[in-house]
N, C-alpha and C. Protein backbone atom coordinates (compact mmCIF):
# COMPACT_ATOMS: atom_id res chain seq x y z
N MET A 1 -165.19 62.28 -39.64
CA MET A 1 -164.19 61.86 -38.66
C MET A 1 -163.90 60.38 -38.85
N VAL A 2 -162.64 60.03 -38.60
CA VAL A 2 -162.19 58.65 -38.75
C VAL A 2 -161.77 58.13 -37.38
N GLU A 3 -162.28 56.96 -37.01
CA GLU A 3 -161.91 56.32 -35.74
C GLU A 3 -160.60 55.57 -35.93
N VAL A 4 -159.66 55.73 -34.98
CA VAL A 4 -158.34 55.11 -35.07
C VAL A 4 -158.02 54.45 -33.73
N GLU A 5 -157.24 53.40 -33.77
CA GLU A 5 -156.78 52.72 -32.56
C GLU A 5 -155.28 52.48 -32.69
N SER A 6 -154.54 52.78 -31.63
CA SER A 6 -153.09 52.55 -31.59
C SER A 6 -152.77 51.67 -30.39
N HIS A 7 -151.75 50.82 -30.57
CA HIS A 7 -151.33 49.91 -29.50
C HIS A 7 -149.83 50.08 -29.26
N ARG A 8 -149.44 49.84 -28.02
CA ARG A 8 -148.02 49.84 -27.67
C ARG A 8 -147.83 48.83 -26.55
N THR A 9 -146.81 48.01 -26.69
CA THR A 9 -146.45 47.06 -25.66
C THR A 9 -144.98 47.30 -25.30
N ALA A 10 -144.68 47.31 -24.02
CA ALA A 10 -143.31 47.51 -23.57
C ALA A 10 -143.01 46.50 -22.47
N GLU A 11 -141.82 45.94 -22.52
CA GLU A 11 -141.37 44.95 -21.53
C GLU A 11 -140.44 45.65 -20.52
N PHE A 12 -140.52 45.20 -19.26
CA PHE A 12 -139.71 45.78 -18.20
C PHE A 12 -139.09 44.67 -17.35
N PRO A 13 -137.81 44.80 -17.00
CA PRO A 13 -137.13 43.77 -16.22
C PRO A 13 -137.31 43.95 -14.71
N VAL A 14 -138.56 44.23 -14.30
CA VAL A 14 -138.88 44.43 -12.89
C VAL A 14 -140.23 43.79 -12.60
N PRO A 15 -140.52 43.48 -11.35
CA PRO A 15 -141.84 42.92 -11.02
C PRO A 15 -142.97 43.87 -11.43
N ALA A 16 -144.11 43.31 -11.74
CA ALA A 16 -145.26 44.07 -12.22
C ALA A 16 -145.67 45.18 -11.25
N PHE A 17 -145.58 44.93 -9.95
CA PHE A 17 -146.02 45.95 -9.00
C PHE A 17 -145.20 47.22 -9.12
N ARG A 18 -143.94 47.14 -9.58
CA ARG A 18 -143.09 48.33 -9.69
C ARG A 18 -143.60 49.28 -10.77
N ILE A 19 -144.01 48.72 -11.91
CA ILE A 19 -144.55 49.56 -12.97
C ILE A 19 -145.95 50.02 -12.59
N TRP A 20 -146.73 49.12 -11.99
CA TRP A 20 -148.10 49.49 -11.61
C TRP A 20 -148.11 50.66 -10.63
N GLU A 21 -147.22 50.65 -9.64
CA GLU A 21 -147.24 51.73 -8.65
C GLU A 21 -146.97 53.08 -9.31
N LEU A 22 -146.18 53.11 -10.35
CA LEU A 22 -145.92 54.37 -11.05
C LEU A 22 -147.11 54.80 -11.89
N ILE A 23 -147.69 53.86 -12.64
CA ILE A 23 -148.84 54.16 -13.50
C ILE A 23 -150.05 54.57 -12.63
N ALA A 24 -150.26 53.87 -11.55
CA ALA A 24 -151.44 54.11 -10.70
C ALA A 24 -151.36 55.44 -9.95
N ASP A 25 -150.16 55.97 -9.74
CA ASP A 25 -150.01 57.28 -9.10
C ASP A 25 -150.21 58.34 -10.19
N PHE A 26 -151.46 58.57 -10.54
CA PHE A 26 -151.84 59.38 -11.69
C PHE A 26 -151.21 60.77 -11.67
N GLY A 27 -151.18 61.38 -10.53
CA GLY A 27 -150.61 62.72 -10.42
C GLY A 27 -149.10 62.74 -10.38
N GLY A 28 -148.47 61.58 -10.25
CA GLY A 28 -147.02 61.50 -10.12
C GLY A 28 -146.26 61.31 -11.42
N ILE A 29 -146.91 61.51 -12.55
CA ILE A 29 -146.27 61.27 -13.84
C ILE A 29 -144.98 62.07 -14.02
N GLY A 30 -144.89 63.23 -13.43
CA GLY A 30 -143.69 64.05 -13.55
C GLY A 30 -142.47 63.41 -12.93
N GLU A 31 -142.67 62.45 -12.03
CA GLU A 31 -141.55 61.77 -11.37
C GLU A 31 -140.84 60.78 -12.29
N TRP A 32 -141.55 60.25 -13.29
CA TRP A 32 -140.94 59.23 -14.14
C TRP A 32 -140.97 59.54 -15.64
N TRP A 33 -141.70 60.56 -16.07
CA TRP A 33 -141.70 60.91 -17.49
C TRP A 33 -140.28 61.34 -17.86
N PRO A 34 -139.81 61.08 -19.07
CA PRO A 34 -138.41 61.41 -19.42
C PRO A 34 -138.04 62.84 -19.05
N GLU A 35 -136.88 62.97 -18.48
CA GLU A 35 -136.39 64.26 -18.03
C GLU A 35 -136.33 65.25 -19.18
N GLY A 36 -136.70 66.48 -18.87
CA GLY A 36 -136.63 67.55 -19.85
C GLY A 36 -137.82 67.65 -20.78
N MET A 37 -138.86 66.84 -20.59
CA MET A 37 -140.01 66.86 -21.48
C MET A 37 -141.18 67.66 -20.90
N LEU A 38 -141.31 67.64 -19.58
CA LEU A 38 -142.40 68.36 -18.91
C LEU A 38 -141.81 69.47 -18.06
N THR A 39 -142.47 70.63 -18.08
CA THR A 39 -142.01 71.70 -17.21
C THR A 39 -142.69 71.63 -15.85
N ARG A 40 -143.94 71.15 -15.84
CA ARG A 40 -144.65 70.95 -14.57
C ARG A 40 -145.92 70.14 -14.82
N VAL A 41 -146.45 69.59 -13.73
CA VAL A 41 -147.71 68.86 -13.75
C VAL A 41 -148.58 69.45 -12.66
N GLU A 42 -149.80 69.84 -13.02
CA GLU A 42 -150.78 70.33 -12.05
C GLU A 42 -151.90 69.31 -11.96
N VAL A 43 -152.38 69.06 -10.76
CA VAL A 43 -153.43 68.07 -10.54
C VAL A 43 -154.65 68.74 -9.94
N GLU A 44 -155.82 68.42 -10.50
CA GLU A 44 -157.10 68.88 -9.96
C GLU A 44 -157.86 67.66 -9.44
N GLY A 45 -158.30 67.73 -8.21
CA GLY A 45 -159.10 66.65 -7.64
C GLY A 45 -158.25 65.49 -7.19
N GLU A 46 -158.96 64.40 -6.88
CA GLU A 46 -158.28 63.18 -6.46
C GLU A 46 -159.15 61.99 -6.82
N GLY A 47 -158.53 60.85 -6.97
CA GLY A 47 -159.25 59.63 -7.31
C GLY A 47 -159.85 59.69 -8.71
N ILE A 48 -160.82 58.80 -8.95
CA ILE A 48 -161.46 58.75 -10.26
C ILE A 48 -162.07 60.13 -10.56
N GLY A 49 -161.80 60.63 -11.75
CA GLY A 49 -162.26 61.95 -12.15
C GLY A 49 -161.20 63.04 -12.03
N MET A 50 -160.11 62.76 -11.31
CA MET A 50 -159.05 63.76 -11.20
C MET A 50 -158.47 64.05 -12.58
N VAL A 51 -157.90 65.24 -12.73
CA VAL A 51 -157.31 65.65 -14.00
C VAL A 51 -155.88 66.10 -13.74
N ARG A 52 -154.97 65.62 -14.59
CA ARG A 52 -153.59 66.10 -14.53
C ARG A 52 -153.33 66.94 -15.79
N HIS A 53 -152.74 68.11 -15.58
CA HIS A 53 -152.39 69.02 -16.66
C HIS A 53 -150.88 68.96 -16.80
N MET A 54 -150.42 68.41 -17.92
CA MET A 54 -148.99 68.24 -18.15
C MET A 54 -148.52 69.35 -19.09
N HIS A 55 -147.66 70.21 -18.58
CA HIS A 55 -147.11 71.32 -19.35
C HIS A 55 -145.81 70.86 -19.98
N THR A 56 -145.75 70.88 -21.30
CA THR A 56 -144.57 70.39 -22.02
C THR A 56 -143.59 71.52 -22.31
N VAL A 57 -142.37 71.14 -22.62
CA VAL A 57 -141.33 72.13 -22.92
C VAL A 57 -141.63 72.89 -24.22
N VAL A 58 -142.48 72.35 -25.08
CA VAL A 58 -142.82 73.04 -26.33
C VAL A 58 -144.07 73.90 -26.18
N GLY A 59 -144.58 74.04 -24.96
CA GLY A 59 -145.71 74.92 -24.70
C GLY A 59 -147.08 74.28 -24.80
N LEU A 60 -147.13 73.00 -25.14
CA LEU A 60 -148.39 72.28 -25.21
C LEU A 60 -148.81 71.86 -23.80
N VAL A 61 -150.09 72.01 -23.49
CA VAL A 61 -150.62 71.53 -22.21
C VAL A 61 -151.57 70.39 -22.52
N LEU A 62 -151.25 69.21 -22.02
CA LEU A 62 -152.09 68.02 -22.20
C LEU A 62 -152.82 67.76 -20.89
N SER A 63 -154.14 67.66 -20.96
CA SER A 63 -154.94 67.43 -19.76
C SER A 63 -155.59 66.06 -19.88
N GLU A 64 -155.28 65.19 -18.92
CA GLU A 64 -155.82 63.84 -18.91
C GLU A 64 -156.66 63.62 -17.66
N ARG A 65 -157.80 62.96 -17.84
CA ARG A 65 -158.69 62.64 -16.72
C ARG A 65 -158.58 61.15 -16.42
N LEU A 66 -158.49 60.82 -15.14
CA LEU A 66 -158.48 59.42 -14.70
C LEU A 66 -159.91 58.92 -14.71
N ASP A 67 -160.20 57.98 -15.60
CA ASP A 67 -161.56 57.46 -15.74
C ASP A 67 -161.78 56.13 -15.03
N GLY A 68 -160.71 55.42 -14.74
CA GLY A 68 -160.85 54.14 -14.05
C GLY A 68 -159.51 53.66 -13.56
N LEU A 69 -159.53 52.94 -12.44
CA LEU A 69 -158.31 52.39 -11.85
C LEU A 69 -158.70 51.08 -11.17
N ASP A 70 -158.16 49.97 -11.66
CA ASP A 70 -158.49 48.65 -11.12
C ASP A 70 -157.21 47.95 -10.69
N PRO A 71 -156.84 48.07 -9.40
CA PRO A 71 -155.61 47.46 -8.92
C PRO A 71 -155.57 45.93 -9.08
N SER A 72 -156.71 45.27 -8.96
CA SER A 72 -156.70 43.81 -9.08
C SER A 72 -156.34 43.36 -10.49
N GLU A 73 -156.68 44.17 -11.49
CA GLU A 73 -156.34 43.87 -12.88
C GLU A 73 -155.12 44.68 -13.35
N ARG A 74 -154.62 45.55 -12.47
CA ARG A 74 -153.56 46.50 -12.82
C ARG A 74 -153.91 47.22 -14.12
N ARG A 75 -155.10 47.80 -14.13
CA ARG A 75 -155.61 48.48 -15.32
C ARG A 75 -155.95 49.93 -14.98
N ILE A 76 -155.59 50.82 -15.89
CA ILE A 76 -155.90 52.24 -15.76
C ILE A 76 -156.62 52.68 -17.03
N ASP A 77 -157.64 53.52 -16.87
CA ASP A 77 -158.38 54.09 -17.99
C ASP A 77 -158.30 55.61 -17.87
N LEU A 78 -158.07 56.28 -19.00
CA LEU A 78 -157.99 57.73 -18.98
C LEU A 78 -158.53 58.29 -20.28
N SER A 79 -158.76 59.59 -20.27
CA SER A 79 -159.18 60.29 -21.48
C SER A 79 -158.53 61.67 -21.47
N ILE A 80 -158.32 62.19 -22.67
CA ILE A 80 -157.78 63.53 -22.79
C ILE A 80 -158.95 64.49 -22.91
N THR A 81 -158.93 65.52 -22.08
CA THR A 81 -159.98 66.54 -22.13
C THR A 81 -159.49 67.64 -23.05
N GLY A 82 -160.09 67.77 -24.20
CA GLY A 82 -159.65 68.76 -25.19
C GLY A 82 -159.01 68.07 -26.37
N ASP A 83 -158.69 68.86 -27.36
CA ASP A 83 -158.10 68.33 -28.58
C ASP A 83 -156.59 68.30 -28.50
N LEU A 84 -156.02 67.49 -29.36
CA LEU A 84 -154.57 67.36 -29.47
C LEU A 84 -154.13 67.90 -30.83
N PRO A 85 -152.81 68.02 -31.04
CA PRO A 85 -152.33 68.45 -32.35
C PRO A 85 -152.83 67.53 -33.47
N GLY A 86 -152.88 68.06 -34.67
CA GLY A 86 -153.27 67.25 -35.82
C GLY A 86 -154.74 66.93 -35.87
N GLY A 87 -155.55 67.64 -35.10
CA GLY A 87 -156.98 67.40 -35.12
C GLY A 87 -157.41 66.15 -34.37
N ILE A 88 -156.52 65.57 -33.57
CA ILE A 88 -156.86 64.38 -32.78
C ILE A 88 -157.89 64.79 -31.74
N SER A 89 -158.97 64.04 -31.63
CA SER A 89 -159.98 64.35 -30.63
C SER A 89 -160.58 63.05 -30.09
N GLY A 90 -161.30 63.18 -29.00
CA GLY A 90 -161.98 62.02 -28.42
C GLY A 90 -161.05 60.93 -27.94
N TYR A 91 -159.85 61.29 -27.49
CA TYR A 91 -158.85 60.30 -27.09
C TYR A 91 -159.23 59.63 -25.77
N THR A 92 -159.29 58.31 -25.79
CA THR A 92 -159.42 57.50 -24.58
C THR A 92 -158.36 56.42 -24.65
N ALA A 93 -157.94 55.95 -23.50
CA ALA A 93 -156.90 54.92 -23.48
C ALA A 93 -157.06 54.05 -22.26
N PHE A 94 -156.51 52.84 -22.37
CA PHE A 94 -156.38 52.01 -21.20
C PHE A 94 -155.03 51.30 -21.25
N GLY A 95 -154.49 51.12 -20.08
CA GLY A 95 -153.22 50.41 -19.95
C GLY A 95 -153.36 49.31 -18.92
N ARG A 96 -152.66 48.22 -19.17
CA ARG A 96 -152.63 47.09 -18.24
C ARG A 96 -151.19 46.67 -18.03
N VAL A 97 -150.84 46.40 -16.78
CA VAL A 97 -149.52 45.87 -16.44
C VAL A 97 -149.71 44.38 -16.21
N VAL A 98 -149.03 43.58 -17.01
CA VAL A 98 -149.17 42.13 -16.98
C VAL A 98 -147.88 41.50 -16.47
N GLU A 99 -147.99 40.63 -15.48
CA GLU A 99 -146.82 39.92 -14.98
C GLU A 99 -146.42 38.87 -16.00
N VAL A 100 -145.16 38.90 -16.42
CA VAL A 100 -144.62 37.91 -17.35
C VAL A 100 -143.92 36.81 -16.56
N ALA A 101 -143.18 37.21 -15.54
CA ALA A 101 -142.47 36.32 -14.62
C ALA A 101 -142.35 37.10 -13.31
N PRO A 102 -141.90 36.46 -12.24
CA PRO A 102 -141.80 37.20 -10.97
C PRO A 102 -140.95 38.47 -11.05
N ASP A 103 -139.99 38.49 -11.96
CA ASP A 103 -139.11 39.66 -12.05
C ASP A 103 -139.22 40.39 -13.39
N SER A 104 -140.34 40.23 -14.10
CA SER A 104 -140.53 40.98 -15.34
C SER A 104 -142.02 41.17 -15.63
N CYS A 105 -142.30 42.20 -16.41
CA CYS A 105 -143.69 42.51 -16.72
C CYS A 105 -143.78 43.20 -18.08
N ARG A 106 -145.01 43.39 -18.49
CA ARG A 106 -145.29 44.03 -19.78
C ARG A 106 -146.40 45.06 -19.55
N LEU A 107 -146.23 46.23 -20.16
CA LEU A 107 -147.27 47.25 -20.15
C LEU A 107 -147.93 47.22 -21.52
N GLU A 108 -149.23 46.97 -21.54
CA GLU A 108 -150.00 46.96 -22.77
C GLU A 108 -150.84 48.22 -22.78
N TRP A 109 -150.71 49.04 -23.82
CA TRP A 109 -151.40 50.32 -23.89
C TRP A 109 -152.19 50.39 -25.18
N THR A 110 -153.45 50.79 -25.08
CA THR A 110 -154.30 50.97 -26.25
C THR A 110 -154.96 52.33 -26.17
N GLY A 111 -154.84 53.09 -27.26
CA GLY A 111 -155.47 54.39 -27.36
C GLY A 111 -156.48 54.40 -28.50
N ARG A 112 -157.62 55.01 -28.27
CA ARG A 112 -158.65 55.16 -29.30
C ARG A 112 -158.96 56.64 -29.44
N TYR A 113 -159.09 57.10 -30.70
CA TYR A 113 -159.27 58.52 -30.94
C TYR A 113 -159.84 58.73 -32.33
N ARG A 114 -160.14 59.99 -32.61
CA ARG A 114 -160.67 60.36 -33.92
C ARG A 114 -159.74 61.38 -34.58
N VAL A 115 -159.68 61.32 -35.91
CA VAL A 115 -158.98 62.32 -36.70
C VAL A 115 -159.94 62.79 -37.80
N PRO A 116 -159.71 64.00 -38.34
CA PRO A 116 -160.65 64.53 -39.33
C PRO A 116 -160.78 63.67 -40.59
N SER A 117 -159.67 63.04 -41.05
CA SER A 117 -159.73 62.26 -42.29
C SER A 117 -158.63 61.20 -42.29
N ARG A 118 -158.70 60.28 -43.24
CA ARG A 118 -157.66 59.25 -43.39
C ARG A 118 -156.30 59.89 -43.64
N GLU A 119 -156.28 61.03 -44.30
CA GLU A 119 -155.01 61.71 -44.57
C GLU A 119 -154.33 62.16 -43.28
N ASP A 120 -155.10 62.38 -42.23
CA ASP A 120 -154.56 62.83 -40.95
C ASP A 120 -154.10 61.67 -40.06
N GLU A 121 -154.46 60.45 -40.44
CA GLU A 121 -154.21 59.30 -39.58
C GLU A 121 -152.73 59.04 -39.32
N ALA A 122 -151.89 59.10 -40.34
CA ALA A 122 -150.47 58.79 -40.17
C ALA A 122 -149.80 59.77 -39.20
N GLY A 123 -150.09 61.05 -39.34
CA GLY A 123 -149.50 62.04 -38.44
C GLY A 123 -149.97 61.87 -37.01
N ALA A 124 -151.25 61.59 -36.85
CA ALA A 124 -151.80 61.38 -35.50
C ALA A 124 -151.18 60.14 -34.86
N ARG A 125 -151.09 59.07 -35.64
CA ARG A 125 -150.51 57.83 -35.12
C ARG A 125 -149.05 58.05 -34.71
N ALA A 126 -148.30 58.77 -35.54
CA ALA A 126 -146.90 59.05 -35.22
C ALA A 126 -146.77 59.87 -33.93
N PHE A 127 -147.63 60.88 -33.77
CA PHE A 127 -147.61 61.71 -32.56
C PHE A 127 -147.86 60.86 -31.32
N LEU A 128 -148.92 60.05 -31.36
CA LEU A 128 -149.29 59.25 -30.19
C LEU A 128 -148.31 58.13 -29.93
N GLU A 129 -147.82 57.48 -30.96
CA GLU A 129 -146.85 56.41 -30.75
C GLU A 129 -145.54 56.98 -30.20
N GLY A 130 -145.21 58.23 -30.56
CA GLY A 130 -144.07 58.89 -29.95
C GLY A 130 -144.28 59.10 -28.47
N ALA A 131 -145.51 59.47 -28.08
CA ALA A 131 -145.83 59.64 -26.66
C ALA A 131 -145.75 58.30 -25.93
N TYR A 132 -146.23 57.23 -26.57
CA TYR A 132 -146.16 55.90 -25.95
C TYR A 132 -144.70 55.49 -25.76
N GLU A 133 -143.86 55.82 -26.74
CA GLU A 133 -142.44 55.49 -26.64
C GLU A 133 -141.80 56.26 -25.49
N MET A 134 -142.15 57.54 -25.33
CA MET A 134 -141.63 58.32 -24.21
C MET A 134 -142.09 57.73 -22.88
N GLN A 135 -143.35 57.29 -22.82
CA GLN A 135 -143.88 56.67 -21.61
C GLN A 135 -143.03 55.46 -21.23
N ALA A 136 -142.80 54.58 -22.19
CA ALA A 136 -142.02 53.36 -21.93
C ALA A 136 -140.59 53.71 -21.52
N ARG A 137 -139.98 54.66 -22.23
CA ARG A 137 -138.60 55.06 -21.92
C ARG A 137 -138.51 55.65 -20.51
N GLY A 138 -139.46 56.52 -20.17
CA GLY A 138 -139.44 57.13 -18.84
C GLY A 138 -139.60 56.11 -17.73
N LEU A 139 -140.53 55.19 -17.91
CA LEU A 139 -140.74 54.13 -16.91
C LEU A 139 -139.48 53.28 -16.76
N LEU A 140 -138.91 52.86 -17.89
CA LEU A 140 -137.72 52.00 -17.84
C LEU A 140 -136.55 52.73 -17.18
N GLU A 141 -136.30 53.96 -17.59
CA GLU A 141 -135.20 54.72 -16.98
C GLU A 141 -135.42 54.90 -15.49
N HIS A 142 -136.65 55.15 -15.09
CA HIS A 142 -136.94 55.37 -13.67
C HIS A 142 -136.71 54.10 -12.85
N VAL A 143 -137.25 52.99 -13.30
CA VAL A 143 -137.11 51.76 -12.49
C VAL A 143 -135.70 51.21 -12.53
N THR A 144 -134.99 51.38 -13.64
CA THR A 144 -133.62 50.86 -13.69
C THR A 144 -132.68 51.75 -12.91
N SER A 145 -132.92 53.06 -12.87
CA SER A 145 -132.06 53.94 -12.07
C SER A 145 -132.31 53.71 -10.59
N ARG A 146 -133.54 53.44 -10.20
CA ARG A 146 -133.84 53.16 -8.80
C ARG A 146 -133.23 51.83 -8.38
N THR A 147 -133.24 50.84 -9.28
CA THR A 147 -132.63 49.55 -8.97
C THR A 147 -131.13 49.71 -8.81
N ALA A 148 -130.52 50.48 -9.72
CA ALA A 148 -129.07 50.66 -9.69
C ALA A 148 -128.61 51.37 -8.42
N THR A 149 -129.42 52.30 -7.91
CA THR A 149 -129.03 53.04 -6.71
C THR A 149 -129.48 52.34 -5.43
N GLY A 150 -130.26 51.28 -5.56
CA GLY A 150 -130.75 50.58 -4.40
C GLY A 150 -131.89 51.29 -3.68
N GLU A 151 -132.46 52.30 -4.33
CA GLU A 151 -133.55 53.05 -3.71
C GLU A 151 -134.76 52.16 -3.52
N PRO A 152 -135.33 52.15 -2.33
CA PRO A 152 -136.49 51.29 -2.10
C PRO A 152 -137.72 51.80 -2.84
N THR A 153 -138.64 50.89 -3.12
CA THR A 153 -139.90 51.26 -3.74
C THR A 153 -141.01 51.04 -2.73
N THR A 154 -142.16 51.63 -3.02
CA THR A 154 -143.33 51.38 -2.19
C THR A 154 -144.21 50.40 -2.91
N SER A 155 -145.04 49.68 -2.19
CA SER A 155 -145.95 48.74 -2.87
C SER A 155 -147.36 48.96 -2.46
């Protein structure tokens, strides 16, 4: 097995608390993930240890466990329970929302995982980086559409 690490950074033109409130609502991912990608999200439990099962339009079910949540650092830790396509296993990740200015922020995401061999690394990296891109796109579309409509947010 080969250990791999992937990183993704995304900038958002909104205060850090707006992105954090979405990321921290672990079971609410279906509200902001890009439209048409998930058919449903099921949640087991609550708080640290809860698991969300994300059913995709292609029939894949991704199950993620909330391993840590630190509001003071705006940090979330999670792991995938089970294997992913391409032999990806042992996936853990953490994300941090960093304030850049009062009206902008950055989401820093790092994933660590294993693949069977170096030959599998490129495919695994492409799969996960595609998921990170969807995450950023969904968050951006959600917060910009809410801003455009004047919909209030919670803090």
